[in-house]
Amino acid sequence: MYELLKQRPALDKNLNGKTFRRFYWLKSELSDFCKQIGLCSYGTKAELTDRVVYYLDTGNVRGESSDKRNTKSRPKKVNLRTVIEDNFVCSEAHRIFFLTHLGNTFKFNAEFLQWLKNNAGKTYKNALSAYRRMQVRKKTTKTGSDESPERDTYIRDFFADNEGRTLDEAIRCRKYKESLAGHNRYEKSDLTALT
């Protein structure tokens, strides 16, 4: 295979699609070439190959925005004061920022991605705080099919008002509250369930 790589012509605009397809190209080479000529530089290797062949044969871009136009709104570097952009798209700059500030256990999850998409205009400092709150909530509440946002809110409010109490105590108070007529929001009087 290395011999075939040595025999290849240079990957440039002077090739035609038929000649290009006769040779093996690494995905990284295709991506770099797309960047050089202003084509979209992400996607599968097959997508990149088709994009390059179309360009080499026609000199045109196939109805796709170029990588330059696509990344205009994406920051190349993210810091605490960077504003969350409209139509948030996870990029390597975002991943590096969050891993740096939150550690190697950080992972983009559906809830956090939704928060980022819904909070354009806030800063990435706000995003760090939101992620940390989500992690604390996950540790302090049980998840399961019987949980609802209303129940999560009750548990959160219980812990905010009763530091040092256990999750079992919070659940006992919540169940007591649900057995009463009226609303199911946390109140200090719910602690009577623990006596």
N, C-alpha and C. Protein backbone atom coordinates (compact mmCIF):
# COMPACT_ATOMS: atom_id res chain seq x y z
N MET A 1 0.83 -1.19 0.00
CA MET A 1 0.00 0.00 0.00
C MET A 1 0.87 1.25 0.00
N TYR A 2 2.00 1.22 0.74
CA TYR A 2 2.87 2.38 0.78
C TYR A 2 3.44 2.71 -0.60
N GLU A 3 3.67 1.67 -1.44
CA GLU A 3 4.14 1.90 -2.80
C GLU A 3 3.08 2.65 -3.60
N LEU A 4 1.81 2.27 -3.40
CA LEU A 4 0.73 2.95 -4.09
C LEU A 4 0.65 4.41 -3.68
N LEU A 5 0.89 4.68 -2.40
CA LEU A 5 0.85 6.05 -1.91
C LEU A 5 1.95 6.89 -2.56
N LYS A 6 3.11 6.28 -2.79
CA LYS A 6 4.22 7.01 -3.39
C LYS A 6 3.95 7.32 -4.87
N GLN A 7 3.17 6.48 -5.55
CA GLN A 7 2.92 6.65 -6.98
C GLN A 7 1.79 7.63 -7.27
N ARG A 8 1.11 8.08 -6.25
CA ARG A 8 -0.04 8.97 -6.46
C ARG A 8 0.39 10.33 -6.98
N PRO A 9 -0.47 10.95 -7.76
CA PRO A 9 -0.21 12.35 -8.12
C PRO A 9 -0.52 13.24 -6.92
N ALA A 10 -0.11 14.47 -6.98
CA ALA A 10 -0.42 15.41 -5.90
C ALA A 10 -1.93 15.67 -5.89
N LEU A 11 -2.47 15.79 -4.72
CA LEU A 11 -3.90 16.09 -4.59
C LEU A 11 -4.08 17.59 -4.73
N ASP A 12 -4.50 18.00 -5.93
CA ASP A 12 -4.71 19.43 -6.17
C ASP A 12 -5.86 19.62 -7.15
N LYS A 13 -6.15 20.86 -7.48
CA LYS A 13 -7.28 21.21 -8.34
C LYS A 13 -7.12 20.72 -9.78
N ASN A 14 -5.91 20.33 -10.17
CA ASN A 14 -5.66 19.92 -11.55
C ASN A 14 -6.07 18.48 -11.83
N LEU A 15 -6.36 17.71 -10.79
CA LEU A 15 -6.82 16.33 -10.99
C LEU A 15 -8.25 16.33 -11.50
N ASN A 16 -8.64 15.24 -12.17
CA ASN A 16 -10.06 15.07 -12.47
C ASN A 16 -10.59 13.95 -11.58
N GLY A 17 -11.91 13.84 -11.49
CA GLY A 17 -12.53 12.88 -10.58
C GLY A 17 -12.13 11.45 -10.86
N LYS A 18 -11.99 11.09 -12.16
CA LYS A 18 -11.66 9.71 -12.53
C LYS A 18 -10.25 9.35 -12.05
N THR A 19 -9.30 10.24 -12.27
CA THR A 19 -7.92 10.00 -11.82
C THR A 19 -7.86 9.96 -10.30
N PHE A 20 -8.56 10.89 -9.67
CA PHE A 20 -8.59 10.95 -8.21
C PHE A 20 -9.07 9.62 -7.62
N ARG A 21 -10.13 9.04 -8.18
CA ARG A 21 -10.71 7.80 -7.64
C ARG A 21 -9.80 6.59 -7.83
N ARG A 22 -8.83 6.65 -8.71
CA ARG A 22 -7.92 5.51 -8.94
C ARG A 22 -6.94 5.31 -7.79
N PHE A 23 -6.81 6.30 -6.92
CA PHE A 23 -5.80 6.24 -5.86
C PHE A 23 -6.45 6.23 -4.49
N TYR A 24 -5.67 5.75 -3.53
CA TYR A 24 -6.12 5.70 -2.13
C TYR A 24 -5.70 7.00 -1.44
N TRP A 25 -6.68 7.63 -0.74
CA TRP A 25 -6.41 8.87 -0.01
C TRP A 25 -6.84 8.68 1.44
N LEU A 26 -6.04 9.18 2.35
CA LEU A 26 -6.40 9.15 3.77
C LEU A 26 -7.51 10.17 4.02
N LYS A 27 -8.35 9.90 4.99
CA LYS A 27 -9.42 10.84 5.32
C LYS A 27 -8.84 12.20 5.71
N SER A 28 -7.75 12.19 6.46
CA SER A 28 -7.14 13.47 6.87
C SER A 28 -6.66 14.27 5.66
N GLU A 29 -6.17 13.58 4.62
CA GLU A 29 -5.75 14.27 3.40
C GLU A 29 -6.95 14.90 2.70
N LEU A 30 -8.05 14.16 2.66
CA LEU A 30 -9.26 14.69 2.02
C LEU A 30 -9.79 15.90 2.78
N SER A 31 -9.80 15.80 4.09
CA SER A 31 -10.27 16.90 4.92
C SER A 31 -9.41 18.14 4.73
N ASP A 32 -8.08 17.95 4.73
CA ASP A 32 -7.16 19.08 4.52
C ASP A 32 -7.36 19.71 3.15
N PHE A 33 -7.54 18.87 2.13
CA PHE A 33 -7.75 19.38 0.77
C PHE A 33 -9.05 20.19 0.71
N CYS A 34 -10.09 19.68 1.33
CA CYS A 34 -11.37 20.41 1.35
C CYS A 34 -11.20 21.78 2.00
N LYS A 35 -10.46 21.83 3.09
CA LYS A 35 -10.21 23.11 3.75
C LYS A 35 -9.48 24.08 2.83
N GLN A 36 -8.50 23.56 2.11
CA GLN A 36 -7.69 24.40 1.20
C GLN A 36 -8.54 25.05 0.12
N ILE A 37 -9.50 24.30 -0.40
CA ILE A 37 -10.27 24.82 -1.54
C ILE A 37 -11.63 25.39 -1.12
N GLY A 38 -11.89 25.41 0.20
CA GLY A 38 -13.12 26.05 0.68
C GLY A 38 -14.34 25.16 0.70
N LEU A 39 -14.14 23.85 0.67
CA LEU A 39 -15.27 22.92 0.77
C LEU A 39 -15.50 22.55 2.23
N CYS A 40 -16.67 22.05 2.51
CA CYS A 40 -16.98 21.54 3.84
C CYS A 40 -16.00 20.41 4.14
N SER A 41 -15.31 20.47 5.28
CA SER A 41 -14.22 19.53 5.54
C SER A 41 -14.56 18.48 6.59
N TYR A 42 -15.83 18.31 6.89
CA TYR A 42 -16.19 17.28 7.86
C TYR A 42 -17.17 16.29 7.22
N GLY A 43 -17.32 15.15 7.85
CA GLY A 43 -18.19 14.10 7.33
C GLY A 43 -17.42 12.80 7.24
N THR A 44 -18.07 11.80 6.70
CA THR A 44 -17.41 10.50 6.54
C THR A 44 -16.41 10.58 5.38
N LYS A 45 -15.57 9.57 5.29
CA LYS A 45 -14.60 9.56 4.19
C LYS A 45 -15.32 9.49 2.85
N ALA A 46 -16.40 8.72 2.79
CA ALA A 46 -17.17 8.61 1.54
C ALA A 46 -17.77 9.97 1.15
N GLU A 47 -18.27 10.71 2.14
CA GLU A 47 -18.84 12.03 1.86
C GLU A 47 -17.76 12.98 1.36
N LEU A 48 -16.61 12.95 2.01
CA LEU A 48 -15.50 13.81 1.58
C LEU A 48 -15.06 13.45 0.15
N THR A 49 -14.97 12.16 -0.14
CA THR A 49 -14.57 11.70 -1.47
C THR A 49 -15.55 12.20 -2.52
N ASP A 50 -16.85 12.03 -2.27
CA ASP A 50 -17.87 12.49 -3.23
C ASP A 50 -17.79 14.00 -3.44
N ARG A 51 -17.57 14.73 -2.35
CA ARG A 51 -17.47 16.18 -2.41
C ARG A 51 -16.28 16.60 -3.29
N VAL A 52 -15.13 15.93 -3.08
CA VAL A 52 -13.92 16.25 -3.84
C VAL A 52 -14.11 15.90 -5.31
N VAL A 53 -14.66 14.73 -5.61
CA VAL A 53 -14.87 14.31 -7.00
C VAL A 53 -15.77 15.30 -7.72
N TYR A 54 -16.87 15.68 -7.07
CA TYR A 54 -17.79 16.64 -7.68
C TYR A 54 -17.07 17.95 -7.98
N TYR A 55 -16.28 18.40 -7.04
CA TYR A 55 -15.54 19.66 -7.22
C TYR A 55 -14.53 19.53 -8.36
N LEU A 56 -13.77 18.43 -8.38
CA LEU A 56 -12.75 18.25 -9.41
C LEU A 56 -13.36 18.17 -10.80
N ASP A 57 -14.55 17.54 -10.92
CA ASP A 57 -15.19 17.39 -12.22
C ASP A 57 -15.92 18.64 -12.68
N THR A 58 -16.47 19.41 -11.74
CA THR A 58 -17.30 20.55 -12.14
C THR A 58 -16.72 21.91 -11.77
N GLY A 59 -15.82 21.94 -10.79
CA GLY A 59 -15.31 23.21 -10.29
C GLY A 59 -16.29 23.92 -9.37
N ASN A 60 -17.38 23.25 -9.06
CA ASN A 60 -18.43 23.83 -8.20
C ASN A 60 -18.54 23.10 -6.88
N VAL A 61 -19.19 23.77 -5.94
CA VAL A 61 -19.50 23.18 -4.64
C VAL A 61 -20.92 22.65 -4.73
N ARG A 62 -21.13 21.42 -4.27
CA ARG A 62 -22.42 20.77 -4.38
C ARG A 62 -23.38 21.24 -3.30
N GLY A 63 -24.05 22.36 -3.46
CA GLY A 63 -25.12 22.82 -2.58
C GLY A 63 -24.84 22.73 -1.09
N GLU A 64 -23.59 22.76 -0.69
CA GLU A 64 -23.25 22.71 0.73
C GLU A 64 -22.50 23.98 1.06
N SER A 65 -22.68 24.44 2.29
CA SER A 65 -21.90 25.61 2.69
C SER A 65 -20.48 25.17 2.97
N SER A 66 -19.54 26.03 2.71
CA SER A 66 -18.15 25.66 2.96
C SER A 66 -17.88 25.66 4.45
N ASP A 67 -16.82 25.02 4.84
CA ASP A 67 -16.45 24.95 6.24
C ASP A 67 -16.22 26.35 6.81
N LYS A 68 -15.66 27.26 5.99
CA LYS A 68 -15.41 28.62 6.46
C LYS A 68 -16.70 29.31 6.85
N ARG A 69 -17.74 29.18 6.00
CA ARG A 69 -19.00 29.83 6.32
C ARG A 69 -19.69 29.14 7.48
N ASN A 70 -19.57 27.84 7.56
CA ASN A 70 -20.22 27.09 8.63
C ASN A 70 -19.65 27.39 9.99
N THR A 71 -18.37 27.67 10.07
CA THR A 71 -17.73 27.87 11.37
C THR A 71 -17.63 29.33 11.76
N LYS A 72 -18.16 30.22 10.93
CA LYS A 72 -18.05 31.64 11.23
C LYS A 72 -18.61 31.95 12.60
N SER A 73 -19.75 31.34 12.95
CA SER A 73 -20.38 31.65 14.24
C SER A 73 -19.81 30.80 15.38
N ARG A 74 -19.00 29.77 15.04
CA ARG A 74 -18.41 28.94 16.08
C ARG A 74 -17.10 29.53 16.54
N PRO A 75 -16.93 29.68 17.85
CA PRO A 75 -15.66 30.24 18.32
C PRO A 75 -14.51 29.25 18.13
N LYS A 76 -13.35 29.77 17.75
CA LYS A 76 -12.18 28.91 17.60
C LYS A 76 -11.59 28.58 18.97
N LYS A 77 -11.78 29.48 19.92
CA LYS A 77 -11.31 29.28 21.28
C LYS A 77 -12.42 29.74 22.22
N VAL A 78 -12.68 28.95 23.24
CA VAL A 78 -13.75 29.27 24.18
C VAL A 78 -13.14 29.61 25.52
N ASN A 79 -13.63 30.69 26.15
CA ASN A 79 -13.19 31.02 27.50
C ASN A 79 -14.42 31.36 28.34
N LEU A 80 -14.21 31.71 29.59
CA LEU A 80 -15.33 31.94 30.51
C LEU A 80 -16.27 33.06 30.03
N ARG A 81 -15.74 34.04 29.33
CA ARG A 81 -16.55 35.18 28.89
C ARG A 81 -17.12 35.01 27.49
N THR A 82 -16.76 33.95 26.79
CA THR A 82 -17.29 33.72 25.45
C THR A 82 -18.80 33.52 25.56
N VAL A 83 -19.52 34.13 24.64
CA VAL A 83 -20.98 34.03 24.63
C VAL A 83 -21.40 32.76 23.89
N ILE A 84 -22.37 32.06 24.44
CA ILE A 84 -22.89 30.85 23.80
C ILE A 84 -23.59 31.28 22.51
N GLU A 85 -23.19 30.68 21.42
CA GLU A 85 -23.68 31.08 20.11
C GLU A 85 -25.07 30.48 19.82
N ASP A 86 -25.80 31.16 18.91
CA ASP A 86 -27.08 30.61 18.43
C ASP A 86 -26.79 29.30 17.72
N ASN A 87 -27.76 28.40 17.73
CA ASN A 87 -27.62 27.10 17.07
C ASN A 87 -26.33 26.39 17.49
N PHE A 88 -26.13 26.25 18.80
CA PHE A 88 -24.93 25.64 19.35
C PHE A 88 -24.64 24.31 18.68
N VAL A 89 -23.39 24.13 18.26
CA VAL A 89 -22.91 22.87 17.71
C VAL A 89 -21.63 22.52 18.47
N CYS A 90 -21.58 21.33 19.01
CA CYS A 90 -20.41 20.90 19.77
C CYS A 90 -19.20 20.83 18.85
N SER A 91 -18.11 21.47 19.26
CA SER A 91 -16.88 21.44 18.48
C SER A 91 -15.73 21.01 19.39
N GLU A 92 -14.58 20.83 18.80
CA GLU A 92 -13.41 20.44 19.58
C GLU A 92 -13.04 21.54 20.57
N ALA A 93 -13.22 22.81 20.18
CA ALA A 93 -12.93 23.92 21.10
C ALA A 93 -13.84 23.85 22.33
N HIS A 94 -15.10 23.51 22.13
CA HIS A 94 -16.03 23.38 23.25
C HIS A 94 -15.60 22.23 24.17
N ARG A 95 -15.31 21.10 23.54
CA ARG A 95 -14.92 19.91 24.33
C ARG A 95 -13.68 20.20 25.18
N ILE A 96 -12.69 20.83 24.59
CA ILE A 96 -11.46 21.15 25.32
C ILE A 96 -11.76 22.09 26.49
N PHE A 97 -12.59 23.10 26.25
CA PHE A 97 -12.95 24.04 27.30
C PHE A 97 -13.60 23.30 28.49
N PHE A 98 -14.61 22.48 28.21
CA PHE A 98 -15.32 21.81 29.30
C PHE A 98 -14.44 20.77 30.00
N LEU A 99 -13.61 20.06 29.26
CA LEU A 99 -12.70 19.10 29.89
C LEU A 99 -11.70 19.82 30.80
N THR A 100 -11.23 20.98 30.36
CA THR A 100 -10.28 21.76 31.14
C THR A 100 -10.90 22.23 32.46
N HIS A 101 -12.13 22.69 32.40
CA HIS A 101 -12.78 23.27 33.58
C HIS A 101 -13.52 22.26 34.44
N LEU A 102 -13.95 21.14 33.85
CA LEU A 102 -14.76 20.19 34.61
C LEU A 102 -14.07 18.85 34.82
N GLY A 103 -12.95 18.64 34.19
CA GLY A 103 -12.20 17.40 34.39
C GLY A 103 -12.54 16.33 33.36
N ASN A 104 -11.81 15.24 33.43
CA ASN A 104 -11.94 14.16 32.44
C ASN A 104 -13.24 13.38 32.53
N THR A 105 -14.01 13.61 33.59
CA THR A 105 -15.29 12.90 33.68
C THR A 105 -16.39 13.61 32.89
N PHE A 106 -16.08 14.80 32.36
CA PHE A 106 -17.10 15.55 31.61
C PHE A 106 -17.51 14.80 30.35
N LYS A 107 -18.83 14.79 30.10
CA LYS A 107 -19.38 14.25 28.87
C LYS A 107 -20.58 15.11 28.48
N PHE A 108 -20.72 15.38 27.19
CA PHE A 108 -21.92 16.07 26.72
C PHE A 108 -23.07 15.08 26.86
N ASN A 109 -24.13 15.47 27.56
CA ASN A 109 -25.31 14.64 27.65
C ASN A 109 -26.48 15.42 27.08
N ALA A 110 -27.59 14.75 26.86
CA ALA A 110 -28.74 15.37 26.20
C ALA A 110 -29.25 16.59 26.97
N GLU A 111 -29.33 16.47 28.29
CA GLU A 111 -29.84 17.57 29.10
C GLU A 111 -28.95 18.81 28.97
N PHE A 112 -27.65 18.61 29.04
CA PHE A 112 -26.72 19.74 28.96
C PHE A 112 -26.70 20.36 27.55
N LEU A 113 -26.72 19.52 26.53
CA LEU A 113 -26.77 20.04 25.16
C LEU A 113 -28.03 20.87 24.95
N GLN A 114 -29.15 20.40 25.51
CA GLN A 114 -30.40 21.16 25.39
C GLN A 114 -30.27 22.50 26.11
N TRP A 115 -29.63 22.48 27.29
CA TRP A 115 -29.44 23.73 28.02
C TRP A 115 -28.63 24.71 27.18
N LEU A 116 -27.54 24.24 26.56
CA LEU A 116 -26.69 25.10 25.73
C LEU A 116 -27.49 25.69 24.56
N LYS A 117 -28.31 24.86 23.93
CA LYS A 117 -29.10 25.33 22.79
C LYS A 117 -30.17 26.34 23.22
N ASN A 118 -30.68 26.19 24.44
CA ASN A 118 -31.74 27.09 24.92
C ASN A 118 -31.21 28.36 25.57
N ASN A 119 -29.90 28.47 25.75
CA ASN A 119 -29.34 29.60 26.49
C ASN A 119 -28.32 30.39 25.70
N ALA A 120 -28.56 30.55 24.40
CA ALA A 120 -27.69 31.38 23.57
C ALA A 120 -27.68 32.79 24.16
N GLY A 121 -26.51 33.39 24.16
CA GLY A 121 -26.38 34.75 24.71
C GLY A 121 -25.80 34.76 26.11
N LYS A 122 -25.92 33.66 26.84
CA LYS A 122 -25.26 33.57 28.14
C LYS A 122 -23.80 33.20 27.90
N THR A 123 -23.00 33.22 28.95
CA THR A 123 -21.58 32.93 28.78
C THR A 123 -21.29 31.47 29.12
N TYR A 124 -20.09 31.04 28.75
CA TYR A 124 -19.68 29.68 29.08
C TYR A 124 -19.42 29.52 30.57
N LYS A 125 -19.22 30.62 31.28
CA LYS A 125 -19.14 30.56 32.74
C LYS A 125 -20.49 30.12 33.29
N ASN A 126 -21.59 30.67 32.72
CA ASN A 126 -22.94 30.23 33.10
C ASN A 126 -23.14 28.75 32.78
N ALA A 127 -22.59 28.31 31.67
CA ALA A 127 -22.72 26.91 31.27
C ALA A 127 -22.04 25.98 32.27
N LEU A 128 -20.87 26.38 32.76
CA LEU A 128 -20.19 25.57 33.77
C LEU A 128 -21.05 25.42 35.02
N SER A 129 -21.63 26.53 35.46
CA SER A 129 -22.50 26.50 36.65
C SER A 129 -23.70 25.59 36.42
N ALA A 130 -24.30 25.69 35.24
CA ALA A 130 -25.47 24.87 34.93
C ALA A 130 -25.11 23.39 34.94
N TYR A 131 -23.96 23.05 34.35
CA TYR A 131 -23.53 21.65 34.31
C TYR A 131 -23.31 21.12 35.73
N ARG A 132 -22.66 21.92 36.56
CA ARG A 132 -22.41 21.49 37.94
C ARG A 132 -23.73 21.27 38.70
N ARG A 133 -24.70 22.18 38.49
CA ARG A 133 -26.01 22.00 39.14
C ARG A 133 -26.67 20.71 38.69
N MET A 134 -26.58 20.41 37.41
CA MET A 134 -27.16 19.18 36.88
C MET A 134 -26.51 17.95 37.51
N GLN A 135 -25.19 18.00 37.68
CA GLN A 135 -24.49 16.87 38.28
C GLN A 135 -24.89 16.68 39.74
N VAL A 136 -25.01 17.78 40.49
CA VAL A 136 -25.43 17.69 41.90
C VAL A 136 -26.83 17.12 41.98
N ARG A 137 -27.72 17.61 41.12
CA ARG A 137 -29.09 17.12 41.13
C ARG A 137 -29.14 15.62 40.83
N LYS A 138 -28.34 15.16 39.90
CA LYS A 138 -28.33 13.74 39.56
C LYS A 138 -27.87 12.90 40.75
N LYS A 139 -26.94 13.44 41.54
CA LYS A 139 -26.44 12.69 42.68
C LYS A 139 -27.43 12.67 43.84
N THR A 140 -28.27 13.70 43.94
CA THR A 140 -29.16 13.81 45.11
C THR A 140 -30.57 13.32 44.84
N THR A 141 -30.89 12.98 43.62
CA THR A 141 -32.24 12.49 43.33
C THR A 141 -32.16 11.13 42.68
N LYS A 142 -33.15 10.30 42.98
CA LYS A 142 -33.25 9.02 42.31
C LYS A 142 -33.84 9.26 40.94
N THR A 143 -33.36 8.50 39.97
CA THR A 143 -33.98 8.60 38.65
C THR A 143 -34.72 7.30 38.41
N GLY A 144 -35.78 7.40 37.69
CA GLY A 144 -36.58 6.23 37.40
C GLY A 144 -37.90 6.64 36.81
N SER A 145 -38.69 5.67 36.46
CA SER A 145 -39.93 5.98 35.78
C SER A 145 -40.93 6.67 36.69
N ASP A 146 -40.80 6.51 38.04
CA ASP A 146 -41.76 7.15 38.93
C ASP A 146 -41.39 8.59 39.23
N GLU A 147 -40.23 9.06 38.77
CA GLU A 147 -39.81 10.43 39.05
C GLU A 147 -40.42 11.38 38.02
N SER A 148 -40.76 12.55 38.45
CA SER A 148 -41.29 13.57 37.56
C SER A 148 -40.59 14.88 37.87
N PRO A 149 -40.69 15.86 36.99
CA PRO A 149 -40.08 17.16 37.28
C PRO A 149 -40.60 17.75 38.59
N GLU A 150 -41.89 17.55 38.88
CA GLU A 150 -42.46 18.07 40.12
C GLU A 150 -41.81 17.41 41.33
N ARG A 151 -41.58 16.12 41.24
CA ARG A 151 -40.93 15.40 42.34
C ARG A 151 -39.46 15.82 42.46
N ASP A 152 -38.80 16.00 41.33
CA ASP A 152 -37.42 16.48 41.38
C ASP A 152 -37.34 17.84 42.07
N THR A 153 -38.29 18.70 41.75
CA THR A 153 -38.32 20.04 42.35
C THR A 153 -38.52 19.94 43.85
N TYR A 154 -39.40 19.06 44.27
CA TYR A 154 -39.64 18.88 45.71
C TYR A 154 -38.34 18.47 46.41
N ILE A 155 -37.66 17.48 45.85
CA ILE A 155 -36.41 16.97 46.46
C ILE A 155 -35.36 18.09 46.50
N ARG A 156 -35.22 18.84 45.41
CA ARG A 156 -34.25 19.94 45.36
C ARG A 156 -34.56 20.97 46.44
N ASP A 157 -35.85 21.36 46.54
CA ASP A 157 -36.25 22.35 47.53
C ASP A 157 -36.05 21.83 48.96
N PHE A 158 -36.30 20.54 49.17
CA PHE A 158 -36.11 19.92 50.48
C PHE A 158 -34.64 20.07 50.91
N PHE A 159 -33.72 19.71 50.01
CA PHE A 159 -32.30 19.77 50.35
C PHE A 159 -31.81 21.21 50.51
N ALA A 160 -32.37 22.12 49.76
CA ALA A 160 -31.98 23.52 49.89
C ALA A 160 -32.33 24.05 51.28
N ASP A 161 -33.40 23.53 51.86
CA ASP A 161 -33.88 24.00 53.16
C ASP A 161 -33.39 23.13 54.32
N ASN A 162 -32.84 21.96 54.02
CA ASN A 162 -32.47 21.00 55.08
C ASN A 162 -31.11 20.36 54.80
N GLU A 163 -30.06 21.12 54.92
CA GLU A 163 -28.72 20.55 54.72
C GLU A 163 -28.47 19.45 55.74
N GLY A 164 -27.83 18.40 55.30
CA GLY A 164 -27.50 17.31 56.20
C GLY A 164 -28.55 16.21 56.26
N ARG A 165 -29.72 16.45 55.72
CA ARG A 165 -30.76 15.42 55.69
C ARG A 165 -30.45 14.40 54.61
N THR A 166 -31.07 13.24 54.67
CA THR A 166 -30.80 12.17 53.71
C THR A 166 -31.87 12.14 52.62
N LEU A 167 -31.55 11.43 51.55
CA LEU A 167 -32.50 11.27 50.46
C LEU A 167 -33.72 10.50 50.93
N ASP A 168 -33.53 9.50 51.79
CA ASP A 168 -34.67 8.74 52.30
C ASP A 168 -35.63 9.64 53.07
N GLU A 169 -35.10 10.58 53.83
CA GLU A 169 -35.95 11.52 54.56
C GLU A 169 -36.71 12.42 53.60
N ALA A 170 -36.04 12.85 52.55
CA ALA A 170 -36.69 13.70 51.56
C ALA A 170 -37.83 12.95 50.87
N ILE A 171 -37.61 11.70 50.56
CA ILE A 171 -38.64 10.89 49.90
C ILE A 171 -39.81 10.65 50.84
N ARG A 172 -39.53 10.38 52.12
CA ARG A 172 -40.62 10.19 53.10
C ARG A 172 -41.48 11.45 53.20
N CYS A 173 -40.84 12.62 53.25
CA CYS A 173 -41.58 13.88 53.32
C CYS A 173 -42.38 14.12 52.05
N ARG A 174 -41.78 13.79 50.90
CA ARG A 174 -42.49 13.97 49.63
C ARG A 174 -43.72 13.08 49.56
N LYS A 175 -43.57 11.82 49.98
CA LYS A 175 -44.72 10.91 49.96
C LYS A 175 -45.81 11.39 50.92
N TYR A 176 -45.40 11.89 52.08
CA TYR A 176 -46.37 12.45 53.04
C TYR A 176 -47.12 13.60 52.37
N LYS A 177 -46.39 14.49 51.72
CA LYS A 177 -46.99 15.66 51.06
C LYS A 177 -47.98 15.22 49.99
N GLU A 178 -47.62 14.20 49.21
CA GLU A 178 -48.50 13.72 48.15
C GLU A 178 -49.77 13.08 48.68
N SER A 179 -49.74 12.64 49.95
CA SER A 179 -50.95 12.04 50.53
C SER A 179 -51.95 13.09 51.02
N LEU A 180 -51.50 14.34 51.09
CA LEU A 180 -52.36 15.43 51.55
C LEU A 180 -53.09 16.07 50.38
N ALA A 181 -54.22 16.69 50.66
CA ALA A 181 -54.93 17.46 49.63
C ALA A 181 -54.17 18.75 49.37
N GLY A 182 -54.22 19.24 48.15
CA GLY A 182 -53.56 20.50 47.81
C GLY A 182 -52.33 20.30 46.96
N HIS A 183 -51.49 21.32 46.95
CA HIS A 183 -50.28 21.29 46.10
C HIS A 183 -49.24 20.33 46.68
N ASN A 184 -48.26 20.01 45.86
CA ASN A 184 -47.20 19.09 46.27
C ASN A 184 -45.83 19.77 46.37
N ARG A 185 -45.82 21.08 46.55
CA ARG A 185 -44.55 21.80 46.71
C ARG A 185 -44.04 21.63 48.14
N TYR A 186 -42.72 21.65 48.29
CA TYR A 186 -42.11 21.50 49.60
C TYR A 186 -42.48 22.67 50.51
N GLU A 187 -42.77 22.34 51.78
CA GLU A 187 -42.97 23.33 52.84
C GLU A 187 -42.28 22.79 54.09
N LYS A 188 -41.83 23.68 54.95
CA LYS A 188 -41.14 23.29 56.17
C LYS A 188 -41.99 22.36 57.03
N SER A 189 -43.32 22.54 57.00
CA SER A 189 -44.23 21.73 57.82
C SER A 189 -44.23 20.26 57.39
N ASP A 190 -43.68 19.94 56.21
CA ASP A 190 -43.62 18.55 55.73
C ASP A 190 -42.70 17.70 56.60
N LEU A 191 -41.84 18.34 57.39
CA LEU A 191 -40.91 17.61 58.24
C LEU A 191 -41.63 16.85 59.35
N THR A 192 -42.90 17.11 59.53
CA THR A 192 -43.67 16.34 60.53
C THR A 192 -43.71 14.86 60.17
N ALA A 193 -43.52 14.55 58.90
CA ALA A 193 -43.51 13.15 58.47
C ALA A 193 -42.32 12.39 59.06
N LEU A 194 -41.32 13.10 59.55
CA LEU A 194 -40.12 12.44 60.08
C LEU A 194 -40.21 12.20 61.60
N THR A 195 -41.27 12.69 62.23
CA THR A 195 -41.39 12.50 63.69
C THR A 195 -42.19 11.28 64.04
